[in-house]
């Protein structure tokens, strides 16, 4: 099942003109340590993360990334949330986002430290998860979309026994206002070439 999952996700990612930033099946496991998330570099456009989570040994995957000045995280698309053993929908999971290059184990004592938190279920292909993640349903802080520059950590969690495979696309765009500046710079450069 894993090879079919990886192939389906890879085809979807390339069709959407996204780059596969990390593929656990090719690049190794993402960190399970909130104090040392896997450091990822996101480029402009789509950045796909492919992984799997299963309790008790690999119940959480942690990543950290930086959104540079003039850029923003505009969307977080789910391409897959699937039980790798049966091919059916993955059991309900959880995902969360916080500021900084380290994270937390989700719980009643830590939920207020997260900017965003939400359950993760299989949703229609290409559903943007960022609006739900930004709400304060779990007692987290909440945030505005697009998410501006800074260092962030993100986790995916599965506390059930299912081996849940996922593929998520983090879409980085020029920040509002910066897009206009980029456009003006391009016009200026074109005029100088004439």
N, C-alpha and C. Protein backbone atom coordinates (compact mmCIF):
# COMPACT_ATOMS: atom_id res chain seq x y z
N UNK A 1 0.80 -1.19 0.00
CA UNK A 1 0.00 0.00 0.00
C UNK A 1 0.85 1.26 0.00
N UNK A 2 2.01 1.22 0.69
CA UNK A 2 2.83 2.42 0.79
C UNK A 2 3.27 2.91 -0.58
N UNK A 3 3.66 2.01 -1.47
CA UNK A 3 4.13 2.47 -2.77
C UNK A 3 3.00 3.12 -3.56
N UNK A 4 1.78 2.59 -3.45
CA UNK A 4 0.64 3.21 -4.14
C UNK A 4 0.35 4.59 -3.55
N UNK A 5 0.45 4.70 -2.23
CA UNK A 5 0.24 5.99 -1.57
C UNK A 5 1.27 7.00 -2.04
N UNK A 6 2.54 6.62 -2.04
CA UNK A 6 3.61 7.53 -2.45
C UNK A 6 3.42 7.94 -3.90
N UNK A 7 3.09 6.99 -4.77
CA UNK A 7 2.89 7.31 -6.17
C UNK A 7 1.73 8.28 -6.37
N UNK A 8 0.60 8.01 -5.71
CA UNK A 8 -0.56 8.88 -5.85
C UNK A 8 -0.24 10.30 -5.38
N UNK A 9 0.45 10.40 -4.26
CA UNK A 9 0.79 11.72 -3.72
C UNK A 9 1.78 12.42 -4.63
N UNK A 10 2.78 11.69 -5.11
CA UNK A 10 3.78 12.30 -5.98
C UNK A 10 3.14 12.85 -7.25
N UNK A 11 2.24 12.08 -7.84
CA UNK A 11 1.57 12.56 -9.05
C UNK A 11 0.73 13.79 -8.76
N UNK A 12 0.01 13.79 -7.63
CA UNK A 12 -0.80 14.95 -7.28
C UNK A 12 0.08 16.17 -7.04
N UNK A 13 1.20 15.97 -6.39
CA UNK A 13 2.10 17.10 -6.09
C UNK A 13 2.66 17.69 -7.37
N UNK A 14 3.11 16.84 -8.29
CA UNK A 14 3.67 17.37 -9.53
C UNK A 14 2.60 18.03 -10.39
N UNK A 15 1.38 17.46 -10.36
CA UNK A 15 0.29 18.06 -11.12
C UNK A 15 -0.03 19.46 -10.60
N UNK A 16 0.16 19.67 -9.31
CA UNK A 16 -0.14 20.97 -8.71
C UNK A 16 1.08 21.89 -8.75
N UNK A 17 2.15 21.49 -9.42
CA UNK A 17 3.38 22.28 -9.53
C UNK A 17 3.99 22.57 -8.17
N UNK A 18 3.90 21.60 -7.27
CA UNK A 18 4.48 21.75 -5.94
C UNK A 18 5.77 20.93 -5.87
N UNK A 19 6.65 21.33 -4.98
CA UNK A 19 7.87 20.58 -4.75
C UNK A 19 7.68 19.69 -3.54
N UNK A 20 8.16 18.45 -3.63
CA UNK A 20 8.15 17.56 -2.47
C UNK A 20 9.35 17.97 -1.62
N UNK A 21 9.07 18.61 -0.49
CA UNK A 21 10.11 19.11 0.40
C UNK A 21 10.66 17.99 1.27
N UNK A 22 9.79 17.08 1.71
CA UNK A 22 10.22 15.94 2.53
C UNK A 22 9.29 14.78 2.27
N UNK A 23 9.86 13.62 2.01
CA UNK A 23 9.12 12.38 1.81
C UNK A 23 9.73 11.36 2.76
N UNK A 24 9.00 11.01 3.83
CA UNK A 24 9.54 10.09 4.84
C UNK A 24 9.97 8.76 4.23
N UNK A 25 9.31 8.35 3.16
CA UNK A 25 9.62 7.06 2.57
C UNK A 25 10.93 7.10 1.79
N UNK A 26 11.39 8.29 1.42
CA UNK A 26 12.66 8.45 0.71
C UNK A 26 13.72 9.15 1.57
N UNK A 27 13.29 10.13 2.39
CA UNK A 27 14.22 10.97 3.14
C UNK A 27 14.41 10.56 4.59
N UNK A 28 13.64 9.60 5.08
CA UNK A 28 13.74 9.17 6.47
C UNK A 28 12.64 9.79 7.32
N UNK A 29 12.51 9.26 8.53
CA UNK A 29 11.46 9.73 9.43
C UNK A 29 11.64 11.17 9.83
N UNK A 30 10.53 11.89 9.92
CA UNK A 30 10.53 13.22 10.50
C UNK A 30 10.70 13.07 12.02
N UNK A 31 11.17 14.10 12.67
CA UNK A 31 11.42 14.06 14.11
C UNK A 31 10.15 13.79 14.90
N UNK A 32 10.30 13.04 15.98
CA UNK A 32 9.22 12.81 16.92
C UNK A 32 9.46 13.60 18.21
N UNK A 33 10.47 14.46 18.21
CA UNK A 33 10.90 15.21 19.39
C UNK A 33 10.46 16.68 19.27
N UNK A 34 9.58 17.16 20.17
CA UNK A 34 9.15 18.56 20.08
C UNK A 34 10.28 19.56 20.30
N UNK A 35 11.35 19.12 20.96
CA UNK A 35 12.49 20.01 21.22
C UNK A 35 13.49 20.04 20.07
N UNK A 36 13.31 19.16 19.08
CA UNK A 36 14.21 19.11 17.93
C UNK A 36 13.44 18.73 16.66
N UNK A 37 12.49 19.56 16.24
CA UNK A 37 11.75 19.26 15.00
C UNK A 37 12.68 19.21 13.79
N UNK A 38 12.28 18.49 12.77
CA UNK A 38 13.03 18.45 11.52
C UNK A 38 12.97 19.83 10.87
N UNK A 39 14.14 20.40 10.58
CA UNK A 39 14.23 21.74 9.96
C UNK A 39 13.99 21.60 8.46
N UNK A 40 12.99 22.32 7.94
CA UNK A 40 12.68 22.29 6.52
C UNK A 40 12.79 23.70 5.95
N UNK A 41 13.16 23.77 4.68
CA UNK A 41 13.23 25.05 3.98
C UNK A 41 12.13 25.06 2.93
N UNK A 42 11.22 25.99 3.07
CA UNK A 42 10.12 26.12 2.13
C UNK A 42 10.48 27.18 1.09
N UNK A 43 10.18 26.88 -0.16
CA UNK A 43 10.35 27.85 -1.23
C UNK A 43 9.02 28.51 -1.56
N UNK A 44 9.08 29.49 -2.43
CA UNK A 44 7.88 30.16 -2.91
C UNK A 44 7.04 29.15 -3.68
N UNK A 45 5.76 29.07 -3.39
CA UNK A 45 4.88 28.10 -4.03
C UNK A 45 4.53 26.96 -3.10
N UNK A 46 4.22 25.80 -3.68
CA UNK A 46 3.81 24.64 -2.89
C UNK A 46 4.98 23.82 -2.39
N UNK A 47 4.91 23.42 -1.13
CA UNK A 47 5.94 22.63 -0.47
C UNK A 47 5.26 21.43 0.19
N UNK A 48 5.43 20.23 -0.39
CA UNK A 48 4.71 19.04 0.05
C UNK A 48 5.53 18.24 1.05
N UNK A 49 4.86 17.83 2.14
CA UNK A 49 5.42 16.95 3.15
C UNK A 49 4.64 15.65 3.07
N UNK A 50 5.35 14.52 2.93
CA UNK A 50 4.72 13.20 2.88
C UNK A 50 5.25 12.41 4.07
N UNK A 51 4.35 11.86 4.88
CA UNK A 51 4.80 11.11 6.05
C UNK A 51 3.74 10.16 6.55
N UNK A 52 4.03 9.57 7.70
CA UNK A 52 3.06 8.69 8.36
C UNK A 52 3.23 8.80 9.87
N UNK A 53 2.14 8.59 10.57
CA UNK A 53 2.14 8.63 12.03
C UNK A 53 1.32 7.45 12.55
N UNK A 54 1.80 6.88 13.67
CA UNK A 54 1.12 5.74 14.29
C UNK A 54 1.60 5.62 15.73
N UNK A 55 0.68 5.50 16.65
CA UNK A 55 1.06 5.29 18.05
C UNK A 55 1.37 3.81 18.27
N UNK A 56 2.23 3.49 19.24
CA UNK A 56 2.81 4.39 20.23
C UNK A 56 4.19 4.94 19.85
N UNK A 57 4.90 4.31 18.91
CA UNK A 57 6.30 4.68 18.67
C UNK A 57 6.49 5.89 17.78
N UNK A 58 5.57 6.13 16.84
CA UNK A 58 5.72 7.23 15.88
C UNK A 58 4.43 8.03 15.82
N UNK A 59 3.93 8.42 17.00
CA UNK A 59 2.63 9.08 17.09
C UNK A 59 2.60 10.52 16.65
N UNK A 60 3.79 11.17 16.58
CA UNK A 60 3.85 12.58 16.18
C UNK A 60 5.02 12.81 15.24
N UNK A 61 4.80 13.68 14.24
CA UNK A 61 5.87 14.19 13.39
C UNK A 61 5.95 15.69 13.63
N UNK A 62 7.18 16.19 13.87
CA UNK A 62 7.41 17.61 14.12
C UNK A 62 8.32 18.19 13.05
N UNK A 63 7.93 19.35 12.50
CA UNK A 63 8.80 20.09 11.59
C UNK A 63 8.90 21.53 12.07
N UNK A 64 9.95 22.21 11.63
CA UNK A 64 10.07 23.64 11.86
C UNK A 64 10.48 24.29 10.54
N UNK A 65 10.01 25.50 10.31
CA UNK A 65 10.30 26.22 9.07
C UNK A 65 10.25 27.71 9.36
N UNK A 66 10.86 28.49 8.48
CA UNK A 66 10.85 29.95 8.62
C UNK A 66 10.22 30.57 7.39
N UNK A 67 9.28 31.46 7.61
CA UNK A 67 8.70 32.26 6.53
C UNK A 67 9.50 33.56 6.49
N UNK A 68 10.23 33.83 5.40
CA UNK A 68 11.06 35.03 5.35
C UNK A 68 10.25 36.32 5.20
N UNK A 69 10.91 37.44 5.47
CA UNK A 69 10.29 38.75 5.29
C UNK A 69 9.78 38.87 3.85
N UNK A 70 8.63 39.48 3.68
CA UNK A 70 8.04 39.67 2.36
C UNK A 70 7.26 38.46 1.87
N UNK A 71 7.22 37.38 2.67
CA UNK A 71 6.50 36.16 2.29
C UNK A 71 5.44 35.85 3.34
N UNK A 72 4.55 34.91 3.03
CA UNK A 72 3.51 34.50 3.96
C UNK A 72 3.08 33.08 3.65
N UNK A 73 2.60 32.38 4.67
CA UNK A 73 1.98 31.08 4.48
C UNK A 73 0.51 31.34 4.19
N UNK A 74 0.10 31.07 2.95
CA UNK A 74 -1.24 31.42 2.50
C UNK A 74 -2.24 30.28 2.63
N UNK A 75 -1.76 29.03 2.51
CA UNK A 75 -2.66 27.87 2.51
C UNK A 75 -1.92 26.64 3.02
N UNK A 76 -2.70 25.68 3.50
CA UNK A 76 -2.18 24.37 3.92
C UNK A 76 -3.16 23.33 3.39
N UNK A 77 -2.80 22.72 2.25
CA UNK A 77 -3.70 21.77 1.60
C UNK A 77 -3.42 20.35 2.04
N UNK A 78 -4.50 19.60 2.24
CA UNK A 78 -4.38 18.17 2.51
C UNK A 78 -4.57 17.43 1.20
N UNK A 79 -3.56 16.64 0.81
CA UNK A 79 -3.69 15.81 -0.38
C UNK A 79 -4.04 14.37 -0.01
N UNK A 80 -3.60 13.91 1.17
CA UNK A 80 -3.89 12.54 1.60
C UNK A 80 -4.00 12.50 3.12
N UNK A 81 -4.88 11.66 3.62
CA UNK A 81 -4.97 11.26 5.03
C UNK A 81 -5.58 9.87 4.98
N UNK A 82 -4.73 8.85 5.00
CA UNK A 82 -5.14 7.51 4.61
C UNK A 82 -4.53 6.46 5.52
N UNK A 83 -5.33 5.42 5.85
CA UNK A 83 -4.81 4.26 6.57
C UNK A 83 -3.97 3.45 5.57
N UNK A 84 -2.66 3.39 5.81
CA UNK A 84 -1.78 2.74 4.84
C UNK A 84 -1.97 1.23 4.79
N UNK A 85 -2.54 0.63 5.84
CA UNK A 85 -2.73 -0.82 5.85
C UNK A 85 -3.97 -1.25 5.08
N UNK A 86 -5.01 -0.43 5.08
CA UNK A 86 -6.27 -0.82 4.43
C UNK A 86 -6.57 0.01 3.19
N UNK A 87 -5.95 1.18 3.07
CA UNK A 87 -6.26 2.08 1.96
C UNK A 87 -7.47 2.95 2.23
N UNK A 88 -8.13 2.75 3.38
CA UNK A 88 -9.30 3.54 3.74
C UNK A 88 -8.90 4.86 4.36
N UNK A 89 -9.89 5.64 4.79
CA UNK A 89 -9.59 6.92 5.41
C UNK A 89 -8.80 6.73 6.70
N UNK A 90 -7.90 7.64 6.97
CA UNK A 90 -7.14 7.58 8.21
C UNK A 90 -8.01 7.91 9.40
N UNK A 91 -7.70 7.31 10.55
CA UNK A 91 -8.41 7.59 11.79
C UNK A 91 -8.23 9.07 12.14
N UNK A 92 -9.14 9.62 12.92
CA UNK A 92 -9.04 11.03 13.32
C UNK A 92 -7.70 11.28 14.00
N UNK A 93 -7.01 12.31 13.54
CA UNK A 93 -5.74 12.72 14.12
C UNK A 93 -5.84 14.15 14.60
N UNK A 94 -4.67 14.80 14.68
CA UNK A 94 -4.59 16.14 15.22
C UNK A 94 -3.39 16.82 14.58
N UNK A 95 -3.49 18.14 14.39
CA UNK A 95 -2.32 18.90 13.95
C UNK A 95 -2.35 20.26 14.62
N UNK A 96 -1.16 20.84 14.76
CA UNK A 96 -1.06 22.11 15.48
C UNK A 96 0.15 22.89 14.99
N UNK A 97 0.09 24.20 15.19
CA UNK A 97 1.12 25.14 14.74
C UNK A 97 1.46 26.08 15.89
N UNK A 98 2.75 26.33 16.09
CA UNK A 98 3.15 27.31 17.10
C UNK A 98 4.32 28.14 16.60
N UNK A 99 4.52 29.29 17.24
CA UNK A 99 5.67 30.13 16.92
C UNK A 99 6.92 29.50 17.52
N UNK A 100 8.06 29.71 16.84
CA UNK A 100 9.33 29.25 17.36
C UNK A 100 9.82 27.99 16.68
N UNK A 101 11.07 27.65 16.94
CA UNK A 101 11.70 26.51 16.28
C UNK A 101 11.63 25.24 17.10
N UNK A 102 10.94 25.27 18.25
CA UNK A 102 10.64 24.06 19.02
C UNK A 102 9.14 24.03 19.25
N UNK A 103 8.63 22.89 19.72
CA UNK A 103 7.19 22.75 19.87
C UNK A 103 6.85 22.17 21.23
N UNK A 104 5.67 21.56 21.32
CA UNK A 104 5.15 21.03 22.57
C UNK A 104 4.43 19.72 22.29
N UNK A 105 4.27 18.91 23.34
CA UNK A 105 3.39 17.75 23.25
C UNK A 105 1.99 18.28 23.53
N UNK A 106 1.05 18.07 22.62
CA UNK A 106 -0.29 18.62 22.83
C UNK A 106 -0.95 18.05 24.08
N UNK A 107 -1.59 18.91 24.82
CA UNK A 107 -2.31 18.49 26.02
C UNK A 107 -2.98 19.69 26.65
N UNK A 108 -3.75 19.45 27.71
CA UNK A 108 -4.46 20.53 28.37
C UNK A 108 -3.52 21.62 28.89
N UNK A 109 -2.33 21.22 29.32
CA UNK A 109 -1.37 22.18 29.86
C UNK A 109 -0.64 22.98 28.80
N UNK A 110 -0.64 22.52 27.54
CA UNK A 110 0.15 23.18 26.50
C UNK A 110 -0.67 23.80 25.39
N UNK A 111 -1.96 23.49 25.31
CA UNK A 111 -2.76 23.93 24.16
C UNK A 111 -2.75 25.44 23.98
N UNK A 112 -2.66 26.21 25.05
CA UNK A 112 -2.67 27.67 24.94
C UNK A 112 -1.39 28.21 24.29
N UNK A 113 -0.35 27.38 24.19
CA UNK A 113 0.90 27.81 23.56
C UNK A 113 0.86 27.70 22.04
N UNK A 114 -0.14 27.01 21.50
CA UNK A 114 -0.25 26.83 20.06
C UNK A 114 -1.00 28.00 19.43
N UNK A 115 -0.53 28.43 18.27
CA UNK A 115 -1.29 29.42 17.49
C UNK A 115 -2.56 28.78 16.96
N UNK A 116 -2.43 27.57 16.42
CA UNK A 116 -3.55 26.87 15.82
C UNK A 116 -3.55 25.41 16.17
N UNK A 117 -4.73 24.81 16.26
CA UNK A 117 -4.88 23.40 16.57
C UNK A 117 -6.22 22.92 16.01
N UNK A 118 -6.24 21.72 15.47
CA UNK A 118 -7.48 21.17 14.91
C UNK A 118 -7.35 19.67 14.75
N UNK A 119 -8.51 19.00 14.68
CA UNK A 119 -8.49 17.58 14.35
C UNK A 119 -8.13 17.43 12.88
N UNK A 120 -7.58 16.28 12.55
CA UNK A 120 -7.22 15.96 11.17
C UNK A 120 -8.02 14.73 10.76
N UNK A 121 -8.83 14.89 9.73
CA UNK A 121 -9.59 13.78 9.16
C UNK A 121 -9.40 13.83 7.65
N UNK A 122 -9.82 12.76 6.97
CA UNK A 122 -9.77 12.79 5.51
C UNK A 122 -10.83 13.76 5.01
N UNK A 123 -10.40 14.70 4.19
CA UNK A 123 -11.31 15.69 3.62
C UNK A 123 -11.17 15.65 2.10
N UNK A 124 -12.07 16.29 1.37
CA UNK A 124 -11.94 16.29 -0.09
C UNK A 124 -10.56 16.81 -0.53
N UNK A 125 -10.04 16.20 -1.56
CA UNK A 125 -8.72 16.56 -2.10
C UNK A 125 -8.60 18.07 -2.28
N UNK A 126 -7.45 18.59 -1.91
CA UNK A 126 -7.13 20.02 -2.06
C UNK A 126 -7.90 20.92 -1.10
N UNK A 127 -8.40 20.38 0.02
CA UNK A 127 -9.06 21.23 1.01
C UNK A 127 -8.00 22.02 1.78
N UNK A 128 -8.23 23.32 1.94
CA UNK A 128 -7.31 24.18 2.68
C UNK A 128 -7.62 24.02 4.17
N UNK A 129 -6.65 23.53 4.94
CA UNK A 129 -6.81 23.31 6.37
C UNK A 129 -6.49 24.55 7.20
N UNK A 130 -5.88 25.56 6.60
CA UNK A 130 -5.41 26.71 7.37
C UNK A 130 -6.55 27.48 8.08
N UNK A 131 -7.71 27.71 7.42
CA UNK A 131 -8.78 28.44 8.13
C UNK A 131 -9.24 27.74 9.41
N UNK A 132 -9.42 26.42 9.35
CA UNK A 132 -9.84 25.69 10.55
C UNK A 132 -8.73 25.71 11.60
N UNK A 133 -7.49 25.57 11.17
CA UNK A 133 -6.36 25.59 12.10
C UNK A 133 -6.24 26.94 12.80
N UNK A 134 -6.63 28.02 12.14
CA UNK A 134 -6.49 29.38 12.68
C UNK A 134 -7.52 29.71 13.76
N UNK A 135 -8.62 28.95 13.80
CA UNK A 135 -9.66 29.22 14.80
C UNK A 135 -9.19 28.85 16.20
N UNK A 136 -9.93 29.24 17.20
CA UNK A 136 -9.53 29.00 18.59
C UNK A 136 -10.39 27.93 19.27
N UNK A 137 -10.83 26.94 18.51
CA UNK A 137 -11.74 25.92 19.02
C UNK A 137 -11.17 25.11 20.19
N UNK A 138 -9.86 24.96 20.25
CA UNK A 138 -9.24 24.12 21.27
C UNK A 138 -8.67 24.94 22.44
N UNK A 139 -8.86 26.25 22.44
CA UNK A 139 -8.27 27.08 23.47
C UNK A 139 -6.89 27.58 23.11
N UNK A 140 -6.52 27.40 21.82
CA UNK A 140 -5.25 27.92 21.32
C UNK A 140 -5.40 29.41 21.02
N UNK A 141 -4.30 30.06 20.63
CA UNK A 141 -4.29 31.52 20.44
C UNK A 141 -5.08 31.99 19.22
N UNK A 142 -5.01 31.25 18.12
CA UNK A 142 -5.58 31.69 16.86
C UNK A 142 -4.60 32.57 16.11
N UNK A 143 -4.82 32.74 14.82
CA UNK A 143 -3.94 33.59 14.01
C UNK A 143 -4.68 34.05 12.77
N UNK A 144 -4.12 35.07 12.13
CA UNK A 144 -4.70 35.62 10.90
C UNK A 144 -4.05 34.95 9.69
N UNK A 145 -4.83 34.87 8.62
CA UNK A 145 -4.34 34.30 7.36
C UNK A 145 -4.23 35.43 6.36
N UNK A 146 -3.14 35.55 5.62
CA UNK A 146 -1.99 34.66 5.60
C UNK A 146 -1.11 34.84 6.85
N UNK A 147 -0.38 33.79 7.18
CA UNK A 147 0.53 33.81 8.33
C UNK A 147 1.83 34.46 7.91
N UNK A 148 2.20 35.52 8.62
CA UNK A 148 3.35 36.32 8.22
C UNK A 148 4.70 35.73 8.57
N UNK A 149 5.76 36.52 8.33
CA UNK A 149 7.13 36.05 8.53
C UNK A 149 7.42 35.62 9.97
N UNK A 150 8.33 34.66 10.09
CA UNK A 150 8.75 34.19 11.41
C UNK A 150 9.10 32.73 11.38
N UNK A 151 9.59 32.24 12.51
CA UNK A 151 9.91 30.81 12.68
C UNK A 151 8.70 30.13 13.30
N UNK A 152 8.34 28.97 12.76
CA UNK A 152 7.17 28.23 13.22
C UNK A 152 7.51 26.75 13.33
N UNK A 153 6.75 26.06 14.19
CA UNK A 153 6.81 24.60 14.27
C UNK A 153 5.41 24.05 14.05
N UNK A 154 5.35 22.88 13.46
CA UNK A 154 4.08 22.26 13.09
C UNK A 154 4.17 20.78 13.44
N UNK A 155 3.07 20.22 13.92
CA UNK A 155 3.06 18.78 14.22
C UNK A 155 1.82 18.13 13.66
N UNK A 156 1.98 16.84 13.34
CA UNK A 156 0.87 15.97 12.95
C UNK A 156 0.88 14.84 13.98
N UNK A 157 -0.30 14.48 14.49
CA UNK A 157 -0.38 13.48 15.55
C UNK A 157 -1.43 12.43 15.23
N UNK A 158 -1.11 11.17 15.54
CA UNK A 158 -2.07 10.07 15.46
C UNK A 158 -1.91 9.25 16.73
N UNK A 159 -2.90 9.31 17.62
CA UNK A 159 -2.81 8.54 18.86
C UNK A 159 -3.50 7.19 18.73
N UNK A 160 -4.13 6.93 17.58
CA UNK A 160 -4.74 5.63 17.34
C UNK A 160 -3.71 4.63 16.82
N UNK A 161 -4.13 3.40 16.63
CA UNK A 161 -3.21 2.35 16.21
C UNK A 161 -3.04 2.29 14.69
N UNK A 162 -3.88 3.01 13.95
CA UNK A 162 -3.76 2.99 12.50
C UNK A 162 -2.45 3.62 12.05
N UNK A 163 -1.84 3.05 11.02
CA UNK A 163 -0.66 3.66 10.40
C UNK A 163 -1.18 4.64 9.36
N UNK A 164 -1.29 5.90 9.76
CA UNK A 164 -1.92 6.91 8.92
C UNK A 164 -0.89 7.64 8.07
N UNK A 165 -1.04 7.55 6.76
CA UNK A 165 -0.19 8.27 5.82
C UNK A 165 -0.82 9.60 5.47
N UNK A 166 0.02 10.61 5.32
CA UNK A 166 -0.51 11.94 5.00
C UNK A 166 0.38 12.62 3.98
N UNK A 167 -0.21 13.56 3.28
CA UNK A 167 0.52 14.45 2.38
C UNK A 167 -0.11 15.82 2.52
N UNK A 168 0.72 16.80 2.88
CA UNK A 168 0.28 18.16 3.13
C UNK A 168 1.10 19.12 2.30
N UNK A 169 0.46 20.14 1.76
CA UNK A 169 1.14 21.13 0.94
C UNK A 169 1.06 22.51 1.60
N UNK A 170 2.20 23.02 2.01
CA UNK A 170 2.31 24.36 2.59
C UNK A 170 2.57 25.33 1.45
N UNK A 171 1.67 26.29 1.23
CA UNK A 171 1.80 27.21 0.10
C UNK A 171 2.30 28.56 0.59
N UNK A 172 3.50 28.92 0.14
CA UNK A 172 4.13 30.19 0.50
C UNK A 172 3.98 31.15 -0.67
N UNK A 173 3.50 32.36 -0.37
CA UNK A 173 3.27 33.37 -1.40
C UNK A 173 3.91 34.69 -0.95
N UNK A 174 4.07 35.64 -1.88
CA UNK A 174 4.47 36.97 -1.43
C UNK A 174 3.42 37.51 -0.46
N UNK A 175 3.86 38.19 0.58
CA UNK A 175 2.92 38.76 1.54
C UNK A 175 2.08 39.83 0.87
N UNK A 176 0.86 40.07 1.37
CA UNK A 176 0.06 41.16 0.81
C UNK A 176 0.86 42.46 0.87
N UNK A 177 0.84 43.20 -0.20
CA UNK A 177 1.65 44.41 -0.27
C UNK A 177 3.00 44.12 -0.89
N UNK A 178 3.60 43.01 -0.50
CA UNK A 178 4.89 42.62 -1.09
C UNK A 178 4.70 42.21 -2.54
N UNK A 179 3.55 41.61 -2.85
CA UNK A 179 3.29 41.20 -4.23
C UNK A 179 3.29 42.43 -5.13
N UNK A 180 2.70 43.50 -4.65
CA UNK A 180 2.68 44.74 -5.44
C UNK A 180 4.10 45.27 -5.61
N UNK A 181 4.90 45.17 -4.55
CA UNK A 181 6.29 45.63 -4.65
C UNK A 181 7.07 44.79 -5.66
N UNK A 182 6.85 43.45 -5.62
CA UNK A 182 7.52 42.58 -6.58
C UNK A 182 7.12 42.96 -8.00
N UNK A 183 5.84 43.28 -8.20
CA UNK A 183 5.36 43.68 -9.52
C UNK A 183 5.99 44.98 -9.98
N UNK A 184 6.09 45.95 -9.08
CA UNK A 184 6.71 47.23 -9.42
C UNK A 184 8.19 47.06 -9.74
N UNK A 185 8.86 46.19 -9.00
CA UNK A 185 10.28 45.94 -9.26
C UNK A 185 10.46 45.31 -10.64
N UNK A 186 9.56 44.40 -11.01
CA UNK A 186 9.66 43.77 -12.32
C UNK A 186 9.42 44.78 -13.44
N UNK A 187 8.45 45.69 -13.23
CA UNK A 187 8.17 46.73 -14.24
C UNK A 187 9.38 47.64 -14.38
N UNK A 188 9.96 48.04 -13.23
CA UNK A 188 11.15 48.89 -13.26
C UNK A 188 12.31 48.23 -13.96
N UNK A 189 12.50 46.93 -13.73
CA UNK A 189 13.59 46.21 -14.37
C UNK A 189 13.37 46.13 -15.88
N UNK A 190 12.10 45.91 -16.28
CA UNK A 190 11.80 45.84 -17.71
C UNK A 190 12.05 47.18 -18.39
N UNK A 191 11.69 48.27 -17.71
CA UNK A 191 11.91 49.59 -18.28
C UNK A 191 13.40 49.90 -18.41
N UNK A 192 14.19 49.46 -17.41
CA UNK A 192 15.63 49.71 -17.47
C UNK A 192 16.28 48.94 -18.61
N UNK A 193 15.73 47.76 -18.96
CA UNK A 193 16.31 46.97 -20.05
C UNK A 193 16.06 47.61 -21.41
N UNK A 194 15.03 48.43 -21.53
CA UNK A 194 14.71 49.06 -22.81
C UNK A 194 15.71 50.11 -23.04
